[in-house]
Amino acid sequence: MRGMGNMQGMMKQMQKMQKKMAEAQEELGTQHFEGVAGGGMVKVTVTGHKEVISVALDESVVDPEDIEMLQDLIVIATNEAMKKAEETSNSTMGQFTKGLNLPGMF
């Protein structure tokens, strides 16, 4: 029964870590990340949970004759915002998985 005390200690540590991970994920969800394109004419904001929450367009970038350019700028701004969110998520959540090889975890 000597190993049971050690097992209980490990379980407590795991529960503590799970709680901290849940708090960190919740915190990420409240953070906003902005991506810009076209010299700031297109701005996309996403949360740390990678949800697009706003798209802001400068009037001068809206040209009915060139919708394709606007679409490209929105894609670029969205990808930039998502990349920032991903990098922050990896650095924040990575502290919990240091030394563990868990591909695709976050």
PDB file of N, CA and C in Angstrom:
ATOM      1  N   MET A   1       0.810  -1.198   0.000  1.00  0.00           N
ATOM      2  CA  MET A   1       0.000   0.000   0.000  1.00  0.00           C
ATOM      3  C   MET A   1       0.854   1.262   0.000  1.00  0.00           C
ATOM      4  N   ARG A   2       2.159   1.063  -0.020  1.00  0.00           N
ATOM      5  CA  ARG A   2       3.054   2.202   0.034  1.00  0.00           C
ATOM      6  C   ARG A   2       2.896   3.084  -1.211  1.00  0.00           C
ATOM      7  N   GLY A   3       2.662   2.480  -2.332  1.00  0.00           N
ATOM      8  CA  GLY A   3       2.526   3.213  -3.587  1.00  0.00           C
ATOM      9  C   GLY A   3       1.245   4.010  -3.685  1.00  0.00           C
ATOM     10  N   MET A   4       0.241   3.685  -2.872  1.00  0.00           N
ATOM     11  CA  MET A   4      -1.054   4.381  -2.947  1.00  0.00           C
ATOM     12  C   MET A   4      -0.936   5.854  -2.547  1.00  0.00           C
ATOM     13  N   GLY A   5      -0.094   6.149  -1.544  1.00  0.00           N
ATOM     14  CA  GLY A   5       0.097   7.527  -1.130  1.00  0.00           C
ATOM     15  C   GLY A   5       0.696   8.348  -2.259  1.00  0.00           C
ATOM     16  N   ASN A   6       1.643   7.734  -2.943  1.00  0.00           N
ATOM     17  CA  ASN A   6       2.276   8.399  -4.080  1.00  0.00           C
ATOM     18  C   ASN A   6       1.267   8.629  -5.200  1.00  0.00           C
ATOM     19  N   MET A   7       0.407   7.641  -5.404  1.00  0.00           N
ATOM     20  CA  MET A   7      -0.618   7.735  -6.453  1.00  0.00           C
ATOM     21  C   MET A   7      -1.608   8.852  -6.134  1.00  0.00           C
ATOM     22  N   GLN A   8      -1.996   8.950  -4.867  1.00  0.00           N
ATOM     23  CA  GLN A   8      -2.930  10.008  -4.469  1.00  0.00           C
ATOM     24  C   GLN A   8      -2.304  11.385  -4.661  1.00  0.00           C
ATOM     25  N   GLY A   9      -1.031  11.477  -4.343  1.00  0.00           N
ATOM     26  CA  GLY A   9      -0.320  12.740  -4.541  1.00  0.00           C
ATOM     27  C   GLY A   9      -0.281  13.126  -6.013  1.00  0.00           C
ATOM     28  N   MET A  10      -0.037  12.132  -6.866  1.00  0.00           N
ATOM     29  CA  MET A  10      -0.007  12.390  -8.308  1.00  0.00           C
ATOM     30  C   MET A  10      -1.385  12.826  -8.803  1.00  0.00           C
ATOM     31  N   MET A  11      -2.430  12.184  -8.289  1.00  0.00           N
ATOM     32  CA  MET A  11      -3.799  12.541  -8.696  1.00  0.00           C
ATOM     33  C   MET A  11      -4.120  13.981  -8.299  1.00  0.00           C
ATOM     34  N   LYS A  12      -3.696  14.373  -7.101  1.00  0.00           N
ATOM     35  CA  LYS A  12      -3.930  15.753  -6.656  1.00  0.00           C
ATOM     36  C   LYS A  12      -3.205  16.735  -7.564  1.00  0.00           C
ATOM     37  N   GLN A  13      -1.962  16.390  -7.926  1.00  0.00           N
ATOM     38  CA  GLN A  13      -1.190  17.256  -8.820  1.00  0.00           C
ATOM     39  C   GLN A  13      -1.869  17.370 -10.186  1.00  0.00           C
ATOM     40  N   MET A  14      -2.385  16.250 -10.674  1.00  0.00           N
ATOM     41  CA  MET A  14      -3.073  16.258 -11.974  1.00  0.00           C
ATOM     42  C   MET A  14      -4.320  17.139 -11.919  1.00  0.00           C
ATOM     43  N   GLN A  15      -5.084  17.023 -10.837  1.00  0.00           N
ATOM     44  CA  GLN A  15      -6.297  17.838 -10.695  1.00  0.00           C
ATOM     45  C   GLN A  15      -5.946  19.321 -10.627  1.00  0.00           C
ATOM     46  N   LYS A  16      -4.860  19.623  -9.920  1.00  0.00           N
ATOM     47  CA  LYS A  16      -4.405  21.004  -9.802  1.00  0.00           C
ATOM     48  C   LYS A  16      -4.014  21.548 -11.186  1.00  0.00           C
ATOM     49  N   MET A  17      -3.286  20.727 -11.931  1.00  0.00           N
ATOM     50  CA  MET A  17      -2.849  21.120 -13.264  1.00  0.00           C
ATOM     51  C   MET A  17      -4.054  21.292 -14.201  1.00  0.00           C
ATOM     52  N   GLN A  18      -5.035  20.398 -14.111  1.00  0.00           N
ATOM     53  CA  GLN A  18      -6.229  20.517 -14.952  1.00  0.00           C
ATOM     54  C   GLN A  18      -6.969  21.814 -14.658  1.00  0.00           C
ATOM     55  N   LYS A  19      -7.036  22.169 -13.388  1.00  0.00           N
ATOM     56  CA  LYS A  19      -7.709  23.408 -13.002  1.00  0.00           C
ATOM     57  C   LYS A  19      -6.971  24.614 -13.581  1.00  0.00           C
ATOM     58  N   LYS A  20      -5.649  24.598 -13.480  1.00  0.00           N
ATOM     59  CA  LYS A  20      -4.854  25.707 -14.021  1.00  0.00           C
ATOM     60  C   LYS A  20      -4.995  25.787 -15.541  1.00  0.00           C
ATOM     61  N   MET A  21      -5.046  24.631 -16.212  1.00  0.00           N
ATOM     62  CA  MET A  21      -5.220  24.611 -17.668  1.00  0.00           C
ATOM     63  C   MET A  21      -6.576  25.192 -18.056  1.00  0.00           C
ATOM     64  N   ALA A  22      -7.609  24.822 -17.324  1.00  0.00           N
ATOM     65  CA  ALA A  22      -8.952  25.337 -17.613  1.00  0.00           C
ATOM     66  C   ALA A  22      -9.000  26.850 -17.423  1.00  0.00           C
ATOM     67  N   GLU A  23      -8.345  27.335 -16.381  1.00  0.00           N
ATOM     68  CA  GLU A  23      -8.297  28.778 -16.134  1.00  0.00           C
ATOM     69  C   GLU A  23      -7.536  29.493 -17.249  1.00  0.00           C
ATOM     70  N   ALA A  24      -6.428  28.886 -17.675  1.00  0.00           N
ATOM     71  CA  ALA A  24      -5.625  29.492 -18.747  1.00  0.00           C
ATOM     72  C   ALA A  24      -6.414  29.526 -20.060  1.00  0.00           C
ATOM     73  N   GLN A  25      -7.154  28.467 -20.352  1.00  0.00           N
ATOM     74  CA  GLN A  25      -7.958  28.437 -21.583  1.00  0.00           C
ATOM     75  C   GLN A  25      -9.077  29.472 -21.525  1.00  0.00           C
ATOM     76  N   GLU A  26      -9.682  29.612 -20.364  1.00  0.00           N
ATOM     77  CA  GLU A  26     -10.735  30.605 -20.205  1.00  0.00           C
ATOM     78  C   GLU A  26     -10.158  32.008 -20.416  1.00  0.00           C
ATOM     79  N   GLU A  27      -8.986  32.250 -19.852  1.00  0.00           N
ATOM     80  CA  GLU A  27      -8.315  33.540 -20.016  1.00  0.00           C
ATOM     81  C   GLU A  27      -8.008  33.814 -21.486  1.00  0.00           C
ATOM     82  N   LEU A  28      -7.559  32.798 -22.209  1.00  0.00           N
ATOM     83  CA  LEU A  28      -7.272  32.951 -23.639  1.00  0.00           C
ATOM     84  C   LEU A  28      -8.518  33.396 -24.402  1.00  0.00           C
ATOM     85  N   GLY A  29      -9.644  32.858 -24.015  1.00  0.00           N
ATOM     86  CA  GLY A  29     -10.900  33.198 -24.688  1.00  0.00           C
ATOM     87  C   GLY A  29     -11.291  34.653 -24.536  1.00  0.00           C
ATOM     88  N   THR A  30     -10.785  35.303 -23.511  1.00  0.00           N
ATOM     89  CA  THR A  30     -11.127  36.705 -23.285  1.00  0.00           C
ATOM     90  C   THR A  30     -10.161  37.652 -23.998  1.00  0.00           C
ATOM     91  N   GLN A  31      -9.045  37.101 -24.486  1.00  0.00           N
ATOM     92  CA  GLN A  31      -8.059  37.943 -25.161  1.00  0.00           C
ATOM     93  C   GLN A  31      -8.442  38.144 -26.625  1.00  0.00           C
ATOM     94  N   HIS A  32      -8.093  39.324 -27.151  1.00  0.00           N
ATOM     95  CA  HIS A  32      -8.381  39.645 -28.550  1.00  0.00           C
ATOM     96  C   HIS A  32      -7.075  39.827 -29.317  1.00  0.00           C
ATOM     97  N   PHE A  33      -7.072  39.359 -30.564  1.00  0.00           N
ATOM     98  CA  PHE A  33      -5.900  39.454 -31.427  1.00  0.00           C
ATOM     99  C   PHE A  33      -6.328  40.073 -32.750  1.00  0.00           C
ATOM    100  N   GLU A  34      -5.544  41.042 -33.198  1.00  0.00           N
ATOM    101  CA  GLU A  34      -5.922  41.756 -34.409  1.00  0.00           C
ATOM    102  C   GLU A  34      -4.948  41.464 -35.533  1.00  0.00           C
ATOM    103  N   GLY A  35      -5.499  41.262 -36.715  1.00  0.00           N
ATOM    104  CA  GLY A  35      -4.705  41.132 -37.926  1.00  0.00           C
ATOM    105  C   GLY A  35      -5.083  42.266 -38.854  1.00  0.00           C
ATOM    106  N   VAL A  36      -4.101  42.823 -39.549  1.00  0.00           N
ATOM    107  CA  VAL A  36      -4.376  43.927 -40.465  1.00  0.00           C
ATOM    108  C   VAL A  36      -3.792  43.618 -41.836  1.00  0.00           C
ATOM    109  N   ALA A  37      -4.397  44.230 -42.852  1.00  0.00           N
ATOM    110  CA  ALA A  37      -3.910  44.089 -44.222  1.00  0.00           C
ATOM    111  C   ALA A  37      -4.221  45.373 -44.967  1.00  0.00           C
ATOM    112  N   GLY A  38      -3.545  45.545 -46.073  1.00  0.00           N
ATOM    113  CA  GLY A  38      -3.794  46.735 -46.895  1.00  0.00           C
ATOM    114  C   GLY A  38      -3.419  48.017 -46.185  1.00  0.00           C
ATOM    115  N   GLY A  39      -2.341  47.980 -45.432  1.00  0.00           N
ATOM    116  CA  GLY A  39      -1.908  49.171 -44.716  1.00  0.00           C
ATOM    117  C   GLY A  39      -2.882  49.609 -43.636  1.00  0.00           C
ATOM    118  N   GLY A  40      -3.615  48.679 -43.084  1.00  0.00           N
ATOM    119  CA  GLY A  40      -4.550  48.982 -41.999  1.00  0.00           C
ATOM    120  C   GLY A  40      -5.974  49.231 -42.484  1.00  0.00           C
ATOM    121  N   MET A  41      -6.209  49.087 -43.795  1.00  0.00           N
ATOM    122  CA  MET A  41      -7.556  49.318 -44.321  1.00  0.00           C
ATOM    123  C   MET A  41      -8.509  48.186 -43.969  1.00  0.00           C
ATOM    124  N   VAL A  42      -7.956  47.008 -43.687  1.00  0.00           N
ATOM    125  CA  VAL A  42      -8.764  45.859 -43.279  1.00  0.00           C
ATOM    126  C   VAL A  42      -8.220  45.359 -41.947  1.00  0.00           C
ATOM    127  N   LYS A  43      -9.112  45.268 -40.970  1.00  0.00           N
ATOM    128  CA  LYS A  43      -8.724  44.772 -39.649  1.00  0.00           C
ATOM    129  C   LYS A  43      -9.686  43.668 -39.240  1.00  0.00           C
ATOM    130  N   VAL A  44      -9.120  42.568 -38.790  1.00  0.00           N
ATOM    131  CA  VAL A  44      -9.919  41.438 -38.316  1.00  0.00           C
ATOM    132  C   VAL A  44      -9.500  41.146 -36.886  1.00  0.00           C
ATOM    133  N   THR A  45     -10.468  40.985 -36.017  1.00  0.00           N
ATOM    134  CA  THR A  45     -10.192  40.680 -34.617  1.00  0.00           C
ATOM    135  C   THR A  45     -10.759  39.302 -34.287  1.00  0.00           C
ATOM    136  N   VAL A  46      -9.918  38.488 -33.631  1.00  0.00           N
ATOM    137  CA  VAL A  46     -10.339  37.155 -33.195  1.00  0.00           C
ATOM    138  C   VAL A  46     -10.064  37.018 -31.701  1.00  0.00           C
ATOM    139  N   THR A  47     -10.720  36.061 -31.082  1.00  0.00           N
ATOM    140  CA  THR A  47     -10.452  35.773 -29.668  1.00  0.00           C
ATOM    141  C   THR A  47      -9.377  34.696 -29.571  1.00  0.00           C
ATOM    142  N   GLY A  48      -8.925  34.463 -28.380  1.00  0.00           N
ATOM    143  CA  GLY A  48      -7.960  33.395 -28.150  1.00  0.00           C
ATOM    144  C   GLY A  48      -8.530  32.015 -28.441  1.00  0.00           C
ATOM    145  N   HIS A  49      -9.854  31.938 -28.563  1.00  0.00           N
ATOM    146  CA  HIS A  49     -10.505  30.683 -28.949  1.00  0.00           C
ATOM    147  C   HIS A  49     -10.710  30.613 -30.461  1.00  0.00           C
ATOM    148  N   LYS A  50     -10.053  31.553 -31.151  1.00  0.00           N
ATOM    149  CA  LYS A  50     -10.047  31.604 -32.621  1.00  0.00           C
ATOM    150  C   LYS A  50     -11.434  31.801 -33.217  1.00  0.00           C
ATOM    151  N   GLU A  51     -12.190  32.682 -32.594  1.00  0.00           N
ATOM    152  CA  GLU A  51     -13.496  33.069 -33.125  1.00  0.00           C
ATOM    153  C   GLU A  51     -13.370  34.491 -33.670  1.00  0.00           C
ATOM    154  N   VAL A  52     -13.780  34.692 -34.913  1.00  0.00           N
ATOM    155  CA  VAL A  52     -13.757  36.043 -35.484  1.00  0.00           C
ATOM    156  C   VAL A  52     -14.859  36.845 -34.814  1.00  0.00           C
ATOM    157  N   ILE A  53     -14.476  37.983 -34.223  1.00  0.00           N
ATOM    158  CA  ILE A  53     -15.481  38.792 -33.539  1.00  0.00           C
ATOM    159  C   ILE A  53     -15.741  40.120 -34.249  1.00  0.00           C
ATOM    160  N   SER A  54     -14.807  40.543 -35.114  1.00  0.00           N
ATOM    161  CA  SER A  54     -15.105  41.750 -35.884  1.00  0.00           C
ATOM    162  C   SER A  54     -14.241  41.838 -37.135  1.00  0.00           C
ATOM    163  N   VAL A  55     -14.807  42.488 -38.132  1.00  0.00           N
ATOM    164  CA  VAL A  55     -14.094  42.802 -39.363  1.00  0.00           C
ATOM    165  C   VAL A  55     -14.366  44.278 -39.630  1.00  0.00           C
ATOM    166  N   ALA A  56     -13.300  45.069 -39.713  1.00  0.00           N
ATOM    167  CA  ALA A  56     -13.452  46.502 -39.962  1.00  0.00           C
ATOM    168  C   ALA A  56     -12.814  46.840 -41.309  1.00  0.00           C
ATOM    169  N   LEU A  57     -13.598  47.513 -42.150  1.00  0.00           N
ATOM    170  CA  LEU A  57     -13.115  47.878 -43.479  1.00  0.00           C
ATOM    171  C   LEU A  57     -13.119  49.390 -43.627  1.00  0.00           C
ATOM    172  N   ASP A  58     -12.032  49.914 -44.157  1.00  0.00           N
ATOM    173  CA  ASP A  58     -11.992  51.322 -44.513  1.00  0.00           C
ATOM    174  C   ASP A  58     -12.824  51.481 -45.787  1.00  0.00           C
ATOM    175  N   GLU A  59     -13.611  52.533 -45.863  1.00  0.00           N
ATOM    176  CA  GLU A  59     -14.483  52.735 -47.031  1.00  0.00           C
ATOM    177  C   GLU A  59     -13.699  52.737 -48.336  1.00  0.00           C
ATOM    178  N   SER A  60     -12.481  53.250 -48.281  1.00  0.00           N
ATOM    179  CA  SER A  60     -11.701  53.369 -49.515  1.00  0.00           C
ATOM    180  C   SER A  60     -11.289  52.019 -50.108  1.00  0.00           C
ATOM    181  N   VAL A  61     -11.340  50.966 -49.303  1.00  0.00           N
ATOM    182  CA  VAL A  61     -10.935  49.654 -49.803  1.00  0.00           C
ATOM    183  C   VAL A  61     -12.106  48.905 -50.455  1.00  0.00           C
ATOM    184  N   VAL A  62     -13.311  49.444 -50.296  1.00  0.00           N
ATOM    185  CA  VAL A  62     -14.490  48.781 -50.869  1.00  0.00           C
ATOM    186  C   VAL A  62     -14.708  49.309 -52.292  1.00  0.00           C
ATOM    187  N   ASP A  63     -14.346  48.469 -53.231  1.00  0.00           N
ATOM    188  CA  ASP A  63     -14.488  48.819 -54.648  1.00  0.00           C
ATOM    189  C   ASP A  63     -15.295  47.712 -55.316  1.00  0.00           C
ATOM    190  N   PRO A  64     -16.542  48.020 -55.721  1.00  0.00           N
ATOM    191  CA  PRO A  64     -17.378  46.981 -56.328  1.00  0.00           C
ATOM    192  C   PRO A  64     -16.750  46.380 -57.585  1.00  0.00           C
ATOM    193  N   GLU A  65     -15.817  47.099 -58.183  1.00  0.00           N
ATOM    194  CA  GLU A  65     -15.152  46.585 -59.394  1.00  0.00           C
ATOM    195  C   GLU A  65     -14.009  45.632 -59.069  1.00  0.00           C
ATOM    196  N   ASP A  66     -13.600  45.593 -57.784  1.00  0.00           N
ATOM    197  CA  ASP A  66     -12.463  44.747 -57.404  1.00  0.00           C
ATOM    198  C   ASP A  66     -12.737  44.013 -56.083  1.00  0.00           C
ATOM    199  N   ILE A  67     -13.760  43.214 -56.080  1.00  0.00           N
ATOM    200  CA  ILE A  67     -14.140  42.438 -54.890  1.00  0.00           C
ATOM    201  C   ILE A  67     -13.045  41.444 -54.525  1.00  0.00           C
ATOM    202  N   GLU A  68     -12.360  40.926 -55.518  1.00  0.00           N
ATOM    203  CA  GLU A  68     -11.317  39.923 -55.283  1.00  0.00           C
ATOM    204  C   GLU A  68     -10.207  40.463 -54.369  1.00  0.00           C
ATOM    205  N   MET A  69      -9.814  41.728 -54.579  1.00  0.00           N
ATOM    206  CA  MET A  69      -8.767  42.309 -53.738  1.00  0.00           C
ATOM    207  C   MET A  69      -9.238  42.396 -52.284  1.00  0.00           C
ATOM    208  N   LEU A  70     -10.475  42.812 -52.092  1.00  0.00           N
ATOM    209  CA  LEU A  70     -11.024  42.913 -50.738  1.00  0.00           C
ATOM    210  C   LEU A  70     -11.065  41.542 -50.064  1.00  0.00           C
ATOM    211  N   GLN A  71     -11.469  40.552 -50.815  1.00  0.00           N
ATOM    212  CA  GLN A  71     -11.494  39.184 -50.271  1.00  0.00           C
ATOM    213  C   GLN A  71     -10.095  38.745 -49.852  1.00  0.00           C
ATOM    214  N   ASP A  72      -9.117  39.047 -50.690  1.00  0.00           N
ATOM    215  CA  ASP A  72      -7.726  38.679 -50.368  1.00  0.00           C
ATOM    216  C   ASP A  72      -7.244  39.384 -49.095  1.00  0.00           C
ATOM    217  N   LEU A  73      -7.575  40.659 -48.971  1.00  0.00           N
ATOM    218  CA  LEU A  73      -7.144  41.420 -47.788  1.00  0.00           C
ATOM    219  C   LEU A  73      -7.795  40.866 -46.514  1.00  0.00           C
ATOM    220  N   ILE A  74      -9.053  40.478 -46.610  1.00  0.00           N
ATOM    221  CA  ILE A  74      -9.740  39.903 -45.439  1.00  0.00           C
ATOM    222  C   ILE A  74      -9.088  38.573 -45.048  1.00  0.00           C
ATOM    223  N   VAL A  75      -8.745  37.772 -46.036  1.00  0.00           N
ATOM    224  CA  VAL A  75      -8.079  36.488 -45.754  1.00  0.00           C
ATOM    225  C   VAL A  75      -6.734  36.730 -45.075  1.00  0.00           C
ATOM    226  N   ILE A  76      -5.962  37.681 -45.597  1.00  0.00           N
ATOM    227  CA  ILE A  76      -4.637  37.974 -45.022  1.00  0.00           C
ATOM    228  C   ILE A  76      -4.776  38.450 -43.576  1.00  0.00           C
ATOM    229  N   ALA A  77      -5.686  39.392 -43.342  1.00  0.00           N
ATOM    230  CA  ALA A  77      -5.879  39.925 -41.987  1.00  0.00           C
ATOM    231  C   ALA A  77      -6.367  38.838 -41.035  1.00  0.00           C
ATOM    232  N   THR A  78      -7.269  37.988 -41.511  1.00  0.00           N
ATOM    233  CA  THR A  78      -7.794  36.902 -40.670  1.00  0.00           C
ATOM    234  C   THR A  78      -6.691  35.912 -40.322  1.00  0.00           C
ATOM    235  N   ASN A  79      -5.889  35.553 -41.311  1.00  0.00           N
ATOM    236  CA  ASN A  79      -4.792  34.608 -41.046  1.00  0.00           C
ATOM    237  C   ASN A  79      -3.782  35.180 -40.062  1.00  0.00           C
ATOM    238  N   GLU A  80      -3.497  36.476 -40.181  1.00  0.00           N
ATOM    239  CA  GLU A  80      -2.559  37.112 -39.253  1.00  0.00           C
ATOM    240  C   GLU A  80      -3.114  37.092 -37.824  1.00  0.00           C
ATOM    241  N   ALA A  81      -4.380  37.417 -37.668  1.00  0.00           N
ATOM    242  CA  ALA A  81      -4.991  37.410 -36.331  1.00  0.00           C
ATOM    243  C   ALA A  81      -4.995  35.996 -35.749  1.00  0.00           C
ATOM    244  N   MET A  82      -5.333  35.012 -36.587  1.00  0.00           N
ATOM    245  CA  MET A  82      -5.356  33.620 -36.131  1.00  0.00           C
ATOM    246  C   MET A  82      -3.960  33.147 -35.727  1.00  0.00           C
ATOM    247  N   LYS A  83      -2.951  33.593 -36.479  1.00  0.00           N
ATOM    248  CA  LYS A  83      -1.574  33.204 -36.164  1.00  0.00           C
ATOM    249  C   LYS A  83      -1.162  33.761 -34.802  1.00  0.00           C
ATOM    250  N   LYS A  84      -1.524  35.022 -34.540  1.00  0.00           N
ATOM    251  CA  LYS A  84      -1.204  35.614 -33.238  1.00  0.00           C
ATOM    252  C   LYS A  84      -1.907  34.853 -32.113  1.00  0.00           C
ATOM    253  N   ALA A  85      -3.162  34.504 -32.339  1.00  0.00           N
ATOM    254  CA  ALA A  85      -3.911  33.759 -31.315  1.00  0.00           C
ATOM    255  C   ALA A  85      -3.272  32.391 -31.083  1.00  0.00           C
ATOM    256  N   GLU A  86      -2.874  31.742 -32.169  1.00  0.00           N
ATOM    257  CA  GLU A  86      -2.258  30.414 -32.082  1.00  0.00           C
ATOM    258  C   GLU A  86      -0.929  30.477 -31.321  1.00  0.00           C
ATOM    259  N   GLU A  87      -0.115  31.480 -31.639  1.00  0.00           N
ATOM    260  CA  GLU A  87       1.178  31.608 -30.967  1.00  0.00           C
ATOM    261  C   GLU A  87       1.003  31.846 -29.468  1.00  0.00           C
ATOM    262  N   THR A  88       0.046  32.694 -29.127  1.00  0.00           N
ATOM    263  CA  THR A  88      -0.199  32.954 -27.706  1.00  0.00           C
ATOM    264  C   THR A  88      -0.740  31.704 -27.016  1.00  0.00           C
ATOM    265  N   SER A  89      -1.634  31.004 -27.701  1.00  0.00           N
ATOM    266  CA  SER A  89      -2.177  29.765 -27.139  1.00  0.00           C
ATOM    267  C   SER A  89      -1.064  28.743 -26.915  1.00  0.00           C
ATOM    268  N   ASN A  90      -0.188  28.605 -27.906  1.00  0.00           N
ATOM    269  CA  ASN A  90       0.911  27.633 -27.772  1.00  0.00           C
ATOM    270  C   ASN A  90       1.841  27.985 -26.624  1.00  0.00           C
ATOM    271  N   SER A  91       2.160  29.268 -26.485  1.00  0.00           N
ATOM    272  CA  SER A  91       3.086  29.641 -25.412  1.00  0.00           C
ATOM    273  C   SER A  91       2.412  29.538 -24.035  1.00  0.00           C
ATOM    274  N   THR A  92       1.124  29.854 -23.983  1.00  0.00           N
ATOM    275  CA  THR A  92       0.409  29.770 -22.705  1.00  0.00           C
ATOM    276  C   THR A  92       0.152  28.323 -22.299  1.00  0.00           C
ATOM    277  N   MET A  93      -0.401  27.557 -23.220  1.00  0.00           N
ATOM    278  CA  MET A  93      -0.760  26.184 -22.873  1.00  0.00           C
ATOM    279  C   MET A  93       0.449  25.254 -22.912  1.00  0.00           C
ATOM    280  N   GLY A  94       1.491  25.646 -23.643  1.00  0.00           N
ATOM    281  CA  GLY A  94       2.681  24.825 -23.734  1.00  0.00           C
ATOM    282  C   GLY A  94       3.372  24.631 -22.400  1.00  0.00           C
ATOM    283  N   GLN A  95       3.186  25.608 -21.493  1.00  0.00           N
ATOM    284  CA  GLN A  95       3.820  25.462 -20.183  1.00  0.00           C
ATOM    285  C   GLN A  95       3.278  24.248 -19.420  1.00  0.00           C
ATOM    286  N   PHE A  96       2.075  23.810 -19.772  1.00  0.00           N
ATOM    287  CA  PHE A  96       1.493  22.653 -19.090  1.00  0.00           C
ATOM    288  C   PHE A  96       1.924  21.332 -19.698  1.00  0.00           C
ATOM    289  N   THR A  97       2.425  21.394 -20.936  1.00  0.00           N
ATOM    290  CA  THR A  97       2.789  20.141 -21.608  1.00  0.00           C
ATOM    291  C   THR A  97       4.280  20.030 -21.873  1.00  0.00           C
ATOM    292  N   LYS A  98       5.072  20.849 -21.211  1.00  0.00           N
ATOM    293  CA  LYS A  98       6.520  20.773 -21.393  1.00  0.00           C
ATOM    294  C   LYS A  98       6.995  19.344 -21.152  1.00  0.00           C
ATOM    295  N   GLY A  99       7.777  18.865 -22.092  1.00  0.00           N
ATOM    296  CA  GLY A  99       8.344  17.533 -21.930  1.00  0.00           C
ATOM    297  C   GLY A  99       7.427  16.417 -22.397  1.00  0.00           C
ATOM    298  N   LEU A 100       6.161  16.747 -22.673  1.00  0.00           N
ATOM    299  CA  LEU A 100       5.228  15.732 -23.170  1.00  0.00           C
ATOM    300  C   LEU A 100       5.084  15.912 -24.673  1.00  0.00           C
ATOM    301  N   ASN A 101       5.050  14.842 -25.406  1.00  0.00           N
ATOM    302  CA  ASN A 101       4.867  14.908 -26.849  1.00  0.00           C
ATOM    303  C   ASN A 101       3.400  14.638 -27.151  1.00  0.00           C
ATOM    304  N   LEU A 102       2.607  15.716 -27.225  1.00  0.00           N
ATOM    305  CA  LEU A 102       1.174  15.588 -27.462  1.00  0.00           C
ATOM    306  C   LEU A 102       0.813  16.368 -28.729  1.00  0.00           C
ATOM    307  N   PRO A 103       1.076  15.790 -29.900  1.00  0.00           N
ATOM    308  CA  PRO A 103       0.814  16.513 -31.144  1.00  0.00           C
ATOM    309  C   PRO A 103      -0.666  16.871 -31.286  1.00  0.00           C
ATOM    310  N   GLY A 104      -0.903  18.103 -31.721  1.00  0.00           N
ATOM    311  CA  GLY A 104      -2.275  18.545 -31.959  1.00  0.00           C
ATOM    312  C   GLY A 104      -3.077  18.813 -30.713  1.00  0.00           C
ATOM    313  N   MET A 105      -2.421  18.855 -29.567  1.00  0.00           N
ATOM    314  CA  MET A 105      -3.139  19.042 -28.310  1.00  0.00           C
ATOM    315  C   MET A 105      -3.750  20.438 -28.228  1.00  0.00           C
ATOM    316  N   PHE A 106      -3.002  21.466 -28.679  1.00  0.00           N
ATOM    317  CA  PHE A 106      -3.516  22.839 -28.596  1.00  0.00           C
ATOM    318  C   PHE A 106      -3.397  23.543 -29.915  1.00  0.00           C
TER     319      PHE A 106
END
